[in-house]
N, C-alpha and C. Protein backbone atom coordinates (compact mmCIF):
# COMPACT_ATOMS: atom_id res chain seq x y z
N MET A 1 87.81 -45.65 -1.96
CA MET A 1 89.04 -45.15 -2.52
C MET A 1 88.71 -44.43 -3.82
N SER A 2 89.41 -43.35 -4.06
CA SER A 2 89.17 -42.60 -5.27
C SER A 2 90.44 -41.94 -5.75
N ILE A 3 90.62 -41.89 -7.04
CA ILE A 3 91.77 -41.19 -7.60
C ILE A 3 91.74 -39.73 -7.16
N ARG A 4 90.55 -39.21 -6.85
CA ARG A 4 90.44 -37.83 -6.38
C ARG A 4 91.21 -37.61 -5.08
N ARG A 5 91.19 -38.58 -4.19
CA ARG A 5 91.96 -38.44 -2.95
C ARG A 5 93.46 -38.48 -3.23
N VAL A 6 93.87 -39.29 -4.21
CA VAL A 6 95.27 -39.31 -4.60
C VAL A 6 95.67 -37.94 -5.13
N ILE A 7 94.80 -37.33 -5.92
CA ILE A 7 95.07 -36.00 -6.45
C ILE A 7 95.28 -35.01 -5.31
N LEU A 8 94.44 -35.07 -4.30
CA LEU A 8 94.58 -34.14 -3.18
C LEU A 8 95.93 -34.30 -2.49
N PHE A 9 96.37 -35.52 -2.32
CA PHE A 9 97.68 -35.75 -1.70
C PHE A 9 98.80 -35.19 -2.56
N LEU A 10 98.70 -35.42 -3.87
CA LEU A 10 99.73 -34.90 -4.77
C LEU A 10 99.73 -33.37 -4.75
N ALA A 11 98.57 -32.79 -4.80
CA ALA A 11 98.48 -31.33 -4.81
C ALA A 11 99.06 -30.74 -3.53
N ALA A 12 98.94 -31.46 -2.44
CA ALA A 12 99.49 -30.99 -1.17
C ALA A 12 100.98 -31.27 -1.05
N GLY A 13 101.54 -31.95 -2.04
CA GLY A 13 102.98 -32.22 -2.02
C GLY A 13 103.40 -33.33 -1.07
N ILE A 14 102.47 -34.21 -0.71
CA ILE A 14 102.78 -35.26 0.26
C ILE A 14 103.43 -36.46 -0.39
N ILE A 15 103.07 -36.78 -1.63
CA ILE A 15 103.59 -37.98 -2.27
C ILE A 15 104.82 -37.64 -3.10
N ALA A 16 105.80 -38.50 -3.04
CA ALA A 16 106.96 -38.41 -3.93
C ALA A 16 107.11 -39.75 -4.62
N ALA A 17 107.86 -39.78 -5.68
CA ALA A 17 108.05 -41.03 -6.39
C ALA A 17 109.04 -41.94 -5.69
N SER A 18 109.80 -41.41 -4.76
CA SER A 18 110.77 -42.24 -4.04
C SER A 18 110.21 -42.61 -2.67
N PRO A 19 110.73 -43.68 -2.06
CA PRO A 19 110.18 -44.14 -0.79
C PRO A 19 110.29 -43.11 0.32
N VAL A 20 109.25 -43.07 1.13
CA VAL A 20 109.20 -42.26 2.32
C VAL A 20 108.96 -43.22 3.47
N PHE A 21 109.67 -43.03 4.56
CA PHE A 21 109.51 -43.94 5.68
C PHE A 21 108.94 -43.17 6.86
N GLY A 22 107.85 -43.69 7.39
CA GLY A 22 107.23 -43.07 8.54
C GLY A 22 107.93 -43.49 9.82
N GLY A 23 107.42 -43.02 10.94
CA GLY A 23 108.02 -43.33 12.22
C GLY A 23 108.06 -44.82 12.52
N ASP A 24 107.14 -45.57 11.92
CA ASP A 24 107.10 -47.00 12.18
C ASP A 24 107.85 -47.78 11.09
N ASP A 25 108.67 -47.08 10.30
CA ASP A 25 109.47 -47.71 9.24
C ASP A 25 108.61 -48.47 8.23
N ALA A 26 107.48 -47.93 7.87
CA ALA A 26 106.63 -48.54 6.84
C ALA A 26 106.81 -47.78 5.54
N VAL A 27 106.78 -48.49 4.43
CA VAL A 27 106.83 -47.85 3.13
C VAL A 27 105.48 -47.15 2.92
N THR A 28 105.51 -45.84 2.65
CA THR A 28 104.27 -45.08 2.56
C THR A 28 104.19 -44.22 1.29
N THR A 29 104.70 -44.68 0.19
CA THR A 29 104.58 -43.93 -1.05
C THR A 29 103.51 -44.55 -1.94
N LEU A 30 103.10 -43.80 -2.94
CA LEU A 30 102.14 -44.34 -3.89
C LEU A 30 102.75 -45.52 -4.62
N GLN A 31 103.97 -45.34 -5.17
CA GLN A 31 104.65 -46.44 -5.85
C GLN A 31 105.62 -47.08 -4.86
N ALA A 32 105.38 -48.33 -4.56
CA ALA A 32 106.20 -49.04 -3.58
C ALA A 32 107.47 -49.58 -4.20
N ASP A 33 108.57 -49.43 -3.47
CA ASP A 33 109.81 -50.11 -3.79
C ASP A 33 109.65 -51.50 -3.16
N LEU A 34 109.46 -52.51 -4.00
CA LEU A 34 109.13 -53.85 -3.48
C LEU A 34 110.25 -54.43 -2.63
N GLY A 35 111.49 -54.10 -2.93
CA GLY A 35 112.60 -54.56 -2.10
C GLY A 35 112.48 -54.02 -0.68
N GLU A 36 112.12 -52.75 -0.55
CA GLU A 36 111.94 -52.15 0.77
C GLU A 36 110.70 -52.71 1.47
N VAL A 37 109.66 -52.96 0.71
CA VAL A 37 108.45 -53.56 1.29
C VAL A 37 108.79 -54.88 1.95
N VAL A 38 109.52 -55.72 1.23
CA VAL A 38 109.90 -57.03 1.77
C VAL A 38 110.87 -56.88 2.94
N LYS A 39 111.85 -56.01 2.79
CA LYS A 39 112.85 -55.80 3.85
C LYS A 39 112.20 -55.34 5.15
N LEU A 40 111.27 -54.37 5.04
CA LEU A 40 110.63 -53.82 6.24
C LEU A 40 109.44 -54.66 6.71
N GLY A 41 108.82 -55.38 5.79
CA GLY A 41 107.65 -56.18 6.15
C GLY A 41 106.41 -55.35 6.38
N LYS A 42 106.45 -54.09 6.02
CA LYS A 42 105.31 -53.19 6.22
C LYS A 42 105.13 -52.31 5.00
N VAL A 43 103.88 -52.02 4.71
CA VAL A 43 103.55 -51.08 3.64
C VAL A 43 102.22 -50.44 4.00
N VAL A 44 102.11 -49.15 3.75
CA VAL A 44 100.90 -48.40 4.07
C VAL A 44 100.37 -47.80 2.77
N PRO A 45 99.12 -48.07 2.43
CA PRO A 45 98.58 -47.50 1.19
C PRO A 45 98.38 -46.00 1.33
N VAL A 46 98.45 -45.30 0.22
CA VAL A 46 98.13 -43.87 0.18
C VAL A 46 96.68 -43.79 -0.27
N GLU A 47 95.83 -43.38 0.66
CA GLU A 47 94.39 -43.33 0.39
C GLU A 47 93.89 -44.64 -0.18
N GLY A 48 94.39 -45.76 0.36
CA GLY A 48 93.89 -47.07 -0.02
C GLY A 48 94.52 -47.66 -1.26
N LEU A 49 95.57 -47.03 -1.81
CA LEU A 49 96.16 -47.50 -3.05
C LEU A 49 97.68 -47.54 -2.96
N THR A 50 98.25 -48.63 -3.45
CA THR A 50 99.69 -48.72 -3.67
C THR A 50 99.90 -49.24 -5.07
N THR A 51 100.86 -48.65 -5.79
CA THR A 51 101.22 -49.11 -7.12
C THR A 51 102.59 -49.74 -7.08
N ALA A 52 102.85 -50.65 -8.04
CA ALA A 52 104.14 -51.34 -8.03
C ALA A 52 104.38 -52.02 -9.37
N GLY A 53 105.63 -52.43 -9.53
CA GLY A 53 105.96 -53.35 -10.61
C GLY A 53 105.54 -54.74 -10.16
N GLN A 54 106.00 -55.76 -10.87
CA GLN A 54 105.59 -57.14 -10.58
C GLN A 54 106.09 -57.60 -9.21
N PRO A 55 105.18 -57.86 -8.27
CA PRO A 55 105.59 -58.41 -6.98
C PRO A 55 105.96 -59.89 -7.09
N ASP A 56 106.82 -60.34 -6.18
CA ASP A 56 107.10 -61.76 -6.06
C ASP A 56 106.31 -62.30 -4.87
N GLU A 57 106.49 -63.57 -4.55
CA GLU A 57 105.73 -64.19 -3.46
C GLU A 57 105.95 -63.46 -2.14
N ALA A 58 107.19 -63.09 -1.84
CA ALA A 58 107.49 -62.42 -0.56
C ALA A 58 106.75 -61.09 -0.47
N ALA A 59 106.74 -60.33 -1.56
CA ALA A 59 106.05 -59.03 -1.55
C ALA A 59 104.54 -59.22 -1.40
N PHE A 60 103.97 -60.18 -2.12
CA PHE A 60 102.53 -60.43 -1.97
C PHE A 60 102.19 -60.78 -0.52
N ARG A 61 103.04 -61.55 0.14
CA ARG A 61 102.80 -61.89 1.54
C ARG A 61 102.75 -60.64 2.42
N VAL A 62 103.67 -59.72 2.18
CA VAL A 62 103.69 -58.49 2.97
C VAL A 62 102.40 -57.70 2.73
N PHE A 63 101.97 -57.58 1.49
CA PHE A 63 100.73 -56.86 1.22
C PHE A 63 99.54 -57.54 1.93
N ALA A 64 99.47 -58.85 1.86
CA ALA A 64 98.39 -59.57 2.54
C ALA A 64 98.45 -59.35 4.05
N ASP A 65 99.65 -59.44 4.61
CA ASP A 65 99.83 -59.25 6.05
C ASP A 65 99.51 -57.84 6.52
N ASN A 66 99.54 -56.89 5.59
CA ASN A 66 99.28 -55.50 5.94
C ASN A 66 97.87 -55.05 5.56
N GLY A 67 96.98 -56.02 5.35
CA GLY A 67 95.57 -55.71 5.19
C GLY A 67 95.09 -55.40 3.79
N TYR A 68 95.91 -55.62 2.79
CA TYR A 68 95.45 -55.40 1.41
C TYR A 68 94.43 -56.49 1.08
N ALA A 69 93.35 -56.07 0.43
CA ALA A 69 92.27 -57.00 0.12
C ALA A 69 92.19 -57.34 -1.35
N VAL A 70 92.78 -56.50 -2.20
CA VAL A 70 92.61 -56.65 -3.65
C VAL A 70 93.94 -56.41 -4.36
N VAL A 71 94.21 -57.25 -5.36
CA VAL A 71 95.33 -57.05 -6.27
C VAL A 71 94.75 -56.91 -7.67
N ILE A 72 95.05 -55.78 -8.32
CA ILE A 72 94.63 -55.57 -9.70
C ILE A 72 95.90 -55.64 -10.56
N ASP A 73 95.90 -56.57 -11.47
CA ASP A 73 97.04 -56.87 -12.34
C ASP A 73 96.75 -56.37 -13.75
N LEU A 74 97.57 -55.43 -14.23
CA LEU A 74 97.37 -54.88 -15.57
C LEU A 74 98.19 -55.61 -16.63
N ARG A 75 98.90 -56.65 -16.24
CA ARG A 75 99.74 -57.36 -17.20
C ARG A 75 98.87 -58.23 -18.12
N THR A 76 99.34 -58.43 -19.33
CA THR A 76 98.62 -59.27 -20.28
C THR A 76 98.92 -60.74 -20.01
N ALA A 77 98.13 -61.62 -20.57
CA ALA A 77 98.29 -63.06 -20.34
C ALA A 77 99.65 -63.57 -20.82
N ALA A 78 100.21 -62.96 -21.83
CA ALA A 78 101.49 -63.42 -22.39
C ALA A 78 102.69 -63.05 -21.51
N GLU A 79 102.51 -62.18 -20.54
CA GLU A 79 103.63 -61.74 -19.70
C GLU A 79 103.89 -62.73 -18.56
N ASN A 80 105.14 -63.10 -18.39
CA ASN A 80 105.53 -64.04 -17.34
C ASN A 80 105.60 -63.34 -15.99
N ARG A 81 104.88 -63.86 -15.03
CA ARG A 81 104.86 -63.30 -13.69
C ARG A 81 105.81 -64.02 -12.73
N GLY A 82 106.30 -65.17 -13.15
CA GLY A 82 107.19 -65.94 -12.28
C GLY A 82 106.45 -66.79 -11.26
N LEU A 83 105.13 -66.76 -11.28
CA LEU A 83 104.31 -67.56 -10.36
C LEU A 83 102.89 -67.58 -10.90
N ASP A 84 102.07 -68.46 -10.33
CA ASP A 84 100.65 -68.48 -10.67
C ASP A 84 99.99 -67.41 -9.81
N GLU A 85 100.05 -66.18 -10.29
CA GLU A 85 99.61 -65.04 -9.48
C GLU A 85 98.17 -65.14 -8.99
N PRO A 86 97.20 -65.45 -9.86
CA PRO A 86 95.83 -65.52 -9.35
C PRO A 86 95.68 -66.50 -8.18
N ALA A 87 96.23 -67.69 -8.32
CA ALA A 87 96.11 -68.70 -7.26
C ALA A 87 96.85 -68.26 -6.00
N PHE A 88 98.06 -67.73 -6.17
CA PHE A 88 98.86 -67.34 -5.01
C PHE A 88 98.19 -66.21 -4.24
N VAL A 89 97.72 -65.19 -4.95
CA VAL A 89 97.06 -64.05 -4.32
C VAL A 89 95.80 -64.50 -3.58
N GLU A 90 95.01 -65.34 -4.21
CA GLU A 90 93.78 -65.80 -3.57
C GLU A 90 94.07 -66.71 -2.38
N ASP A 91 95.14 -67.52 -2.45
CA ASP A 91 95.54 -68.34 -1.30
C ASP A 91 95.92 -67.48 -0.10
N LEU A 92 96.39 -66.26 -0.36
CA LEU A 92 96.74 -65.33 0.71
C LEU A 92 95.52 -64.59 1.26
N GLY A 93 94.36 -64.84 0.66
CA GLY A 93 93.13 -64.21 1.14
C GLY A 93 92.78 -62.89 0.46
N MET A 94 93.51 -62.54 -0.60
CA MET A 94 93.21 -61.32 -1.33
C MET A 94 92.46 -61.67 -2.62
N LYS A 95 91.68 -60.74 -3.11
CA LYS A 95 90.99 -60.92 -4.37
C LYS A 95 91.94 -60.55 -5.50
N TYR A 96 91.96 -61.37 -6.56
CA TYR A 96 92.79 -61.11 -7.73
C TYR A 96 91.90 -60.67 -8.88
N ILE A 97 92.27 -59.54 -9.52
CA ILE A 97 91.53 -59.04 -10.67
C ILE A 97 92.52 -58.81 -11.79
N SER A 98 92.23 -59.40 -12.95
CA SER A 98 93.05 -59.18 -14.13
C SER A 98 92.36 -58.15 -15.01
N MET A 99 93.11 -57.10 -15.35
CA MET A 99 92.63 -56.07 -16.28
C MET A 99 93.77 -55.85 -17.27
N PRO A 100 93.91 -56.75 -18.25
CA PRO A 100 95.05 -56.69 -19.16
C PRO A 100 95.10 -55.38 -19.96
N ILE A 101 96.26 -54.74 -19.89
CA ILE A 101 96.49 -53.49 -20.61
C ILE A 101 97.73 -53.66 -21.48
N GLY A 102 97.52 -53.69 -22.78
CA GLY A 102 98.62 -53.73 -23.73
C GLY A 102 98.97 -52.31 -24.16
N GLY A 103 99.96 -52.19 -25.03
CA GLY A 103 100.43 -50.87 -25.46
C GLY A 103 99.36 -49.98 -26.04
N GLY A 104 98.42 -50.54 -26.80
CA GLY A 104 97.36 -49.75 -27.40
C GLY A 104 96.22 -49.43 -26.47
N ASP A 105 96.30 -49.92 -25.23
CA ASP A 105 95.22 -49.72 -24.27
C ASP A 105 95.41 -48.51 -23.37
N ILE A 106 96.42 -47.70 -23.63
CA ILE A 106 96.61 -46.49 -22.85
C ILE A 106 95.69 -45.44 -23.46
N THR A 107 94.46 -45.44 -22.96
CA THR A 107 93.40 -44.57 -23.48
C THR A 107 92.60 -43.99 -22.32
N PHE A 108 91.89 -42.93 -22.61
CA PHE A 108 91.01 -42.35 -21.58
C PHE A 108 89.91 -43.33 -21.19
N ASP A 109 89.42 -44.13 -22.13
CA ASP A 109 88.39 -45.11 -21.81
C ASP A 109 88.89 -46.16 -20.83
N LYS A 110 90.09 -46.68 -21.08
CA LYS A 110 90.66 -47.68 -20.16
C LYS A 110 90.97 -47.05 -18.81
N ALA A 111 91.42 -45.80 -18.81
CA ALA A 111 91.70 -45.11 -17.55
C ALA A 111 90.42 -44.96 -16.73
N ARG A 112 89.33 -44.62 -17.40
CA ARG A 112 88.04 -44.48 -16.72
C ARG A 112 87.58 -45.84 -16.17
N GLU A 113 87.78 -46.89 -16.96
CA GLU A 113 87.42 -48.23 -16.52
C GLU A 113 88.21 -48.61 -15.26
N LEU A 114 89.49 -48.29 -15.24
CA LEU A 114 90.31 -48.56 -14.06
C LEU A 114 89.83 -47.75 -12.87
N ASP A 115 89.53 -46.48 -13.07
CA ASP A 115 89.06 -45.62 -11.98
C ASP A 115 87.78 -46.17 -11.37
N GLU A 116 86.86 -46.63 -12.21
CA GLU A 116 85.61 -47.21 -11.70
C GLU A 116 85.89 -48.47 -10.89
N LEU A 117 86.84 -49.27 -11.35
CA LEU A 117 87.21 -50.48 -10.62
C LEU A 117 87.81 -50.11 -9.27
N LEU A 118 88.74 -49.15 -9.25
CA LEU A 118 89.35 -48.72 -7.99
C LEU A 118 88.31 -48.16 -7.03
N ASP A 119 87.37 -47.38 -7.55
CA ASP A 119 86.34 -46.78 -6.71
C ASP A 119 85.39 -47.81 -6.11
N SER A 120 85.39 -49.02 -6.63
CA SER A 120 84.47 -50.03 -6.12
C SER A 120 85.01 -50.75 -4.89
N TYR A 121 86.21 -50.40 -4.43
CA TYR A 121 86.80 -51.06 -3.26
C TYR A 121 87.13 -50.05 -2.18
N ASP A 122 86.70 -50.36 -0.96
CA ASP A 122 87.05 -49.53 0.19
C ASP A 122 88.31 -50.02 0.89
N GLN A 123 88.67 -51.27 0.65
CA GLN A 123 89.85 -51.85 1.27
C GLN A 123 91.10 -51.49 0.47
N PRO A 124 92.29 -51.62 1.08
CA PRO A 124 93.54 -51.32 0.36
C PRO A 124 93.71 -52.19 -0.88
N VAL A 125 94.17 -51.54 -1.96
CA VAL A 125 94.36 -52.18 -3.26
C VAL A 125 95.81 -52.04 -3.70
N LEU A 126 96.37 -53.14 -4.19
CA LEU A 126 97.67 -53.12 -4.86
C LEU A 126 97.38 -53.14 -6.35
N LEU A 127 97.86 -52.14 -7.06
CA LEU A 127 97.67 -52.02 -8.50
C LEU A 127 99.05 -52.14 -9.15
N HIS A 128 99.22 -53.15 -10.03
CA HIS A 128 100.55 -53.34 -10.60
C HIS A 128 100.50 -53.75 -12.06
N CYS A 129 101.65 -53.57 -12.71
CA CYS A 129 101.94 -54.14 -14.02
C CYS A 129 103.38 -54.64 -13.91
N ALA A 130 104.12 -54.68 -14.96
CA ALA A 130 105.49 -55.18 -14.88
C ALA A 130 106.40 -54.21 -14.14
N SER A 131 106.26 -52.91 -14.44
CA SER A 131 107.16 -51.91 -13.86
C SER A 131 106.42 -50.74 -13.22
N SER A 132 105.13 -50.71 -13.30
CA SER A 132 104.24 -49.63 -12.84
C SER A 132 104.12 -48.51 -13.88
N ASN A 133 104.70 -48.70 -15.05
CA ASN A 133 104.63 -47.72 -16.12
C ASN A 133 103.20 -47.56 -16.65
N ARG A 134 102.53 -48.67 -16.95
CA ARG A 134 101.14 -48.62 -17.42
C ARG A 134 100.21 -48.09 -16.33
N VAL A 135 100.49 -48.51 -15.10
CA VAL A 135 99.70 -48.04 -13.96
C VAL A 135 99.74 -46.52 -13.91
N GLY A 136 100.94 -45.96 -13.92
CA GLY A 136 101.10 -44.51 -13.84
C GLY A 136 100.46 -43.80 -15.01
N ALA A 137 100.57 -44.37 -16.20
CA ALA A 137 99.98 -43.75 -17.39
C ALA A 137 98.46 -43.65 -17.27
N LEU A 138 97.82 -44.73 -16.83
CA LEU A 138 96.35 -44.71 -16.70
C LEU A 138 95.91 -43.77 -15.59
N LEU A 139 96.64 -43.75 -14.48
CA LEU A 139 96.28 -42.83 -13.40
C LEU A 139 96.46 -41.38 -13.85
N ALA A 140 97.50 -41.12 -14.64
CA ALA A 140 97.70 -39.76 -15.16
C ALA A 140 96.52 -39.33 -16.03
N LEU A 141 96.06 -40.22 -16.89
CA LEU A 141 94.93 -39.89 -17.74
C LEU A 141 93.67 -39.61 -16.92
N ASN A 142 93.48 -40.37 -15.85
CA ASN A 142 92.33 -40.12 -14.97
C ASN A 142 92.41 -38.75 -14.33
N VAL A 143 93.60 -38.41 -13.85
CA VAL A 143 93.76 -37.11 -13.20
C VAL A 143 93.47 -35.98 -14.19
N PHE A 144 93.98 -36.12 -15.41
CA PHE A 144 93.72 -35.10 -16.41
C PHE A 144 92.22 -35.02 -16.73
N ALA A 145 91.58 -36.16 -16.88
CA ALA A 145 90.14 -36.17 -17.19
C ALA A 145 89.34 -35.49 -16.09
N GLU A 146 89.77 -35.63 -14.85
CA GLU A 146 89.03 -35.06 -13.73
C GLU A 146 89.36 -33.60 -13.47
N THR A 147 90.60 -33.19 -13.78
CA THR A 147 91.02 -31.84 -13.40
C THR A 147 91.34 -30.93 -14.58
N GLY A 148 91.69 -31.50 -15.73
CA GLY A 148 92.14 -30.69 -16.86
C GLY A 148 93.54 -30.13 -16.65
N ASP A 149 94.21 -30.53 -15.59
CA ASP A 149 95.55 -30.03 -15.25
C ASP A 149 96.60 -31.02 -15.75
N ALA A 150 97.25 -30.70 -16.85
CA ALA A 150 98.22 -31.61 -17.45
C ALA A 150 99.42 -31.85 -16.54
N GLU A 151 99.92 -30.81 -15.91
CA GLU A 151 101.11 -30.99 -15.05
C GLU A 151 100.79 -31.84 -13.83
N LEU A 152 99.63 -31.63 -13.22
CA LEU A 152 99.22 -32.47 -12.09
C LEU A 152 99.06 -33.91 -12.55
N ALA A 153 98.50 -34.10 -13.73
CA ALA A 153 98.31 -35.46 -14.27
C ALA A 153 99.66 -36.14 -14.46
N LEU A 154 100.61 -35.44 -15.06
CA LEU A 154 101.94 -36.04 -15.29
C LEU A 154 102.66 -36.30 -13.98
N GLU A 155 102.53 -35.40 -13.01
CA GLU A 155 103.14 -35.60 -11.69
C GLU A 155 102.56 -36.84 -11.03
N THR A 156 101.24 -37.00 -11.12
CA THR A 156 100.59 -38.18 -10.56
C THR A 156 101.10 -39.44 -11.25
N GLY A 157 101.16 -39.40 -12.58
CA GLY A 157 101.65 -40.56 -13.33
C GLY A 157 103.05 -40.95 -12.92
N ARG A 158 103.94 -39.97 -12.80
CA ARG A 158 105.32 -40.24 -12.39
C ARG A 158 105.38 -40.82 -10.98
N ALA A 159 104.58 -40.26 -10.07
CA ALA A 159 104.57 -40.75 -8.69
C ALA A 159 104.07 -42.19 -8.61
N ALA A 160 103.26 -42.59 -9.61
CA ALA A 160 102.72 -43.95 -9.63
C ALA A 160 103.56 -44.90 -10.46
N GLY A 161 104.63 -44.40 -11.11
CA GLY A 161 105.53 -45.29 -11.84
C GLY A 161 105.64 -45.07 -13.33
N MET A 162 104.95 -44.08 -13.88
CA MET A 162 105.03 -43.83 -15.31
C MET A 162 106.44 -43.37 -15.69
N LYS A 163 106.95 -43.99 -16.73
CA LYS A 163 108.26 -43.62 -17.26
C LYS A 163 108.16 -43.44 -18.77
N SER A 164 108.41 -44.50 -19.52
CA SER A 164 108.46 -44.42 -20.98
C SER A 164 107.12 -44.09 -21.61
N LEU A 165 106.02 -44.28 -20.92
CA LEU A 165 104.71 -43.96 -21.49
C LEU A 165 104.33 -42.49 -21.32
N GLU A 166 105.21 -41.70 -20.71
CA GLU A 166 104.89 -40.29 -20.52
C GLU A 166 104.64 -39.59 -21.86
N LYS A 167 105.41 -39.94 -22.88
CA LYS A 167 105.22 -39.32 -24.20
C LYS A 167 103.82 -39.63 -24.74
N VAL A 168 103.39 -40.87 -24.59
CA VAL A 168 102.05 -41.27 -25.05
C VAL A 168 100.99 -40.48 -24.29
N VAL A 169 101.16 -40.39 -22.98
CA VAL A 169 100.19 -39.66 -22.15
C VAL A 169 100.16 -38.19 -22.55
N ARG A 170 101.32 -37.58 -22.75
CA ARG A 170 101.37 -36.18 -23.18
C ARG A 170 100.61 -35.97 -24.49
N GLU A 171 100.82 -36.89 -25.45
CA GLU A 171 100.15 -36.78 -26.74
C GLU A 171 98.64 -36.89 -26.58
N LEU A 172 98.19 -37.81 -25.74
CA LEU A 172 96.75 -37.97 -25.52
C LEU A 172 96.16 -36.73 -24.86
N ILE A 173 96.88 -36.18 -23.90
CA ILE A 173 96.41 -34.97 -23.22
C ILE A 173 96.36 -33.81 -24.21
N GLU A 174 97.39 -33.64 -25.02
CA GLU A 174 97.43 -32.53 -25.98
C GLU A 174 96.34 -32.65 -27.04
N ALA A 175 95.91 -33.87 -27.33
CA ALA A 175 94.87 -34.09 -28.33
C ALA A 175 93.48 -33.74 -27.80
N GLN A 176 93.35 -33.54 -26.51
CA GLN A 176 92.04 -33.23 -25.90
C GLN A 176 91.64 -31.79 -26.15
């Protein structure tokens, strides 16, 4: 899996920030609507990656049932997940990885660290934080670092869940 493949999908106009349903009624967007994931019981990664806000037990079960092998959690230790996420995810047979990202961690270095982590897995990965805002911000920085295209980077970030951190990402891009 590589952020580069995500870029290709975005450039081709295939990904949108809102849910898209395929013929088999599976959620197939980069950023998953967790309510729809649970309702449909199916989710398909985009080039091996799905982003989301904080999943609950039902959503984690759907991801496990649909072949996801890894959950990368960007939430900090102080954030309440509503469950013992590491234990629950591992009980479902998926690997749990904590990569805590606080407000000051939206940097090109952290984005590169995340990209290297994502590239180390060939199996489907669920990447989440509380709302997918941090997820989208880091993915946007990766896209900019790889392409130099600010608009493509921001589009990628939005498709992955970036909202309030867009201003921070814009400032970091403009400073380059």
